[in-house]
């Protein structure tokens, strides 16, 4: 899933910015978990998919979700507009 988030950013900004989506081999967090707590947590969730169901919010509050691709791309644009990321 993290790969998909970065891929959405690469699709929008990768031609002008150094955004490259690469999948980390499972062996990296497997080995690094022995020394690094964050890698241990990453490895613990490796290959697991978490599904969130917002249908109740849609039903009751009439929320319309935009999807992670657009959300990530909007965030990238906001980072550029606010100066956190250099505009190229």
C-alpha atoms as a PDB file:
ATOM      1  CA  UNK A   1       0.000   0.000   0.000  1.00  0.00           C
ATOM      2  CA  UNK A   2       2.829   2.457   0.734  1.00  0.00           C
ATOM      3  CA  UNK A   3       4.124   1.748  -2.761  1.00  0.00           C
ATOM      4  CA  UNK A   4       0.737   2.760  -4.186  1.00  0.00           C
ATOM      5  CA  UNK A   5       0.836   6.076  -2.305  1.00  0.00           C
ATOM      6  CA  UNK A   6       4.288   6.925  -3.655  1.00  0.00           C
ATOM      7  CA  UNK A   7       3.285   5.711  -7.127  1.00  0.00           C
ATOM      8  CA  UNK A   8       0.421   8.246  -7.148  1.00  0.00           C
ATOM      9  CA  UNK A   9       2.956  10.991  -6.352  1.00  0.00           C
ATOM     10  CA  UNK A  10       5.363   9.708  -9.019  1.00  0.00           C
ATOM     11  CA  UNK A  11       2.592   9.704 -11.628  1.00  0.00           C
ATOM     12  CA  UNK A  12       1.829  13.376 -10.932  1.00  0.00           C
ATOM     13  CA  UNK A  13       5.245  14.844 -10.067  1.00  0.00           C
ATOM     14  CA  UNK A  14       7.887  12.307 -11.119  1.00  0.00           C
ATOM     15  CA  UNK A  15       8.785  13.998 -14.397  1.00  0.00           C
ATOM     16  CA  UNK A  16       9.898  17.204 -12.612  1.00  0.00           C
ATOM     17  CA  UNK A  17      10.810  15.963  -9.133  1.00  0.00           C
ATOM     18  CA  UNK A  18      12.873  13.090  -7.739  1.00  0.00           C
ATOM     19  CA  UNK A  19       9.874  10.943  -6.806  1.00  0.00           C
ATOM     20  CA  UNK A  20      10.449   7.271  -7.571  1.00  0.00           C
ATOM     21  CA  UNK A  21       8.238   4.457  -6.378  1.00  0.00           C
ATOM     22  CA  UNK A  22      10.264   1.371  -5.563  1.00  0.00           C
ATOM     23  CA  UNK A  23       9.144  -1.657  -3.630  1.00  0.00           C
ATOM     24  CA  UNK A  24      11.351  -2.638  -0.732  1.00  0.00           C
ATOM     25  CA  UNK A  25      12.291  -6.324  -0.716  1.00  0.00           C
ATOM     26  CA  UNK A  26      10.913  -8.104   2.342  1.00  0.00           C
ATOM     27  CA  UNK A  27      14.409  -9.130   3.380  1.00  0.00           C
ATOM     28  CA  UNK A  28      15.354  -5.516   4.264  1.00  0.00           C
ATOM     29  CA  UNK A  29      12.884  -5.088   7.146  1.00  0.00           C
ATOM     30  CA  UNK A  30      13.362  -8.778   8.038  1.00  0.00           C
ATOM     31  CA  UNK A  31      17.054  -8.209   8.777  1.00  0.00           C
ATOM     32  CA  UNK A  32      16.816  -4.608  10.011  1.00  0.00           C
ATOM     33  CA  UNK A  33      14.073  -5.485  12.523  1.00  0.00           C
ATOM     34  CA  UNK A  34      16.770  -6.952  14.732  1.00  0.00           C
ATOM     35  CA  UNK A  35      18.298  -3.479  15.253  1.00  0.00           C
ATOM     36  CA  UNK A  36      15.539  -1.006  14.510  1.00  0.00           C
ATOM     37  CA  UNK A  37      12.166  -0.823  16.246  1.00  0.00           C
ATOM     38  CA  UNK A  38      10.498   0.943  13.300  1.00  0.00           C
ATOM     39  CA  UNK A  39      11.650  -1.782  10.919  1.00  0.00           C
ATOM     40  CA  UNK A  40      10.310  -4.389  13.345  1.00  0.00           C
ATOM     41  CA  UNK A  41       6.918  -2.685  13.219  1.00  0.00           C
ATOM     42  CA  UNK A  42       7.084  -2.432   9.441  1.00  0.00           C
ATOM     43  CA  UNK A  43       7.967  -6.103   9.100  1.00  0.00           C
ATOM     44  CA  UNK A  44       5.159  -7.077  11.471  1.00  0.00           C
ATOM     45  CA  UNK A  45       2.612  -5.605   9.057  1.00  0.00           C
ATOM     46  CA  UNK A  46       4.377  -6.791   5.891  1.00  0.00           C
ATOM     47  CA  UNK A  47       1.931  -8.241   3.381  1.00  0.00           C
ATOM     48  CA  UNK A  48      -1.120  -7.472   5.519  1.00  0.00           C
ATOM     49  CA  UNK A  49      -3.896  -5.344   4.108  1.00  0.00           C
ATOM     50  CA  UNK A  50      -6.011  -3.093   6.277  1.00  0.00           C
ATOM     51  CA  UNK A  51      -9.429  -2.274   4.894  1.00  0.00           C
ATOM     52  CA  UNK A  52     -11.387   0.712   6.132  1.00  0.00           C
ATOM     53  CA  UNK A  53     -15.102   0.909   5.536  1.00  0.00           C
ATOM     54  CA  UNK A  54     -16.489   4.428   5.317  1.00  0.00           C
ATOM     55  CA  UNK A  55     -19.896   3.414   4.026  1.00  0.00           C
ATOM     56  CA  UNK A  56     -21.594   4.456   7.276  1.00  0.00           C
ATOM     57  CA  UNK A  57     -20.063   7.950   7.059  1.00  0.00           C
ATOM     58  CA  UNK A  58     -21.192   8.173   3.446  1.00  0.00           C
ATOM     59  CA  UNK A  59     -24.677   7.075   4.397  1.00  0.00           C
ATOM     60  CA  UNK A  60     -25.134   9.289   7.462  1.00  0.00           C
ATOM     61  CA  UNK A  61     -22.956  12.325   6.701  1.00  0.00           C
ATOM     62  CA  UNK A  62     -23.089  12.167   2.891  1.00  0.00           C
ATOM     63  CA  UNK A  63     -19.289  12.168   2.726  1.00  0.00           C
ATOM     64  CA  UNK A  64     -17.846  11.586  -0.727  1.00  0.00           C
ATOM     65  CA  UNK A  65     -14.336  10.143  -0.660  1.00  0.00           C
ATOM     66  CA  UNK A  66     -11.820  11.216  -3.302  1.00  0.00           C
ATOM     67  CA  UNK A  67      -9.467   8.235  -3.171  1.00  0.00           C
ATOM     68  CA  UNK A  68      -5.857   7.974  -2.104  1.00  0.00           C
ATOM     69  CA  UNK A  69      -4.429   8.855  -5.529  1.00  0.00           C
ATOM     70  CA  UNK A  70      -6.071  12.284  -5.654  1.00  0.00           C
ATOM     71  CA  UNK A  71      -5.443  12.821  -1.949  1.00  0.00           C
ATOM     72  CA  UNK A  72      -1.688  12.216  -2.352  1.00  0.00           C
ATOM     73  CA  UNK A  73      -1.502  14.374  -5.466  1.00  0.00           C
ATOM     74  CA  UNK A  74      -3.385  17.213  -3.742  1.00  0.00           C
ATOM     75  CA  UNK A  75      -0.980  16.937  -0.799  1.00  0.00           C
ATOM     76  CA  UNK A  76       1.979  17.181  -3.191  1.00  0.00           C
ATOM     77  CA  UNK A  77       0.536  20.310  -4.779  1.00  0.00           C
ATOM     78  CA  UNK A  78      -0.040  21.842  -1.320  1.00  0.00           C
ATOM     79  CA  UNK A  79       3.571  21.095  -0.323  1.00  0.00           C
ATOM     80  CA  UNK A  80       4.793  22.890  -3.441  1.00  0.00           C
ATOM     81  CA  UNK A  81       2.417  25.853  -2.993  1.00  0.00           C
ATOM     82  CA  UNK A  82       3.410  26.369   0.661  1.00  0.00           C
ATOM     83  CA  UNK A  83       7.125  26.167  -0.143  1.00  0.00           C
ATOM     84  CA  UNK A  84       7.873  22.929   1.733  1.00  0.00           C
ATOM     85  CA  UNK A  85       8.910  21.439  -1.614  1.00  0.00           C
ATOM     86  CA  UNK A  86      10.734  23.474  -4.235  1.00  0.00           C
ATOM     87  CA  UNK A  87       8.677  24.184  -7.355  1.00  0.00           C
ATOM     88  CA  UNK A  88      10.409  22.964 -10.530  1.00  0.00           C
END
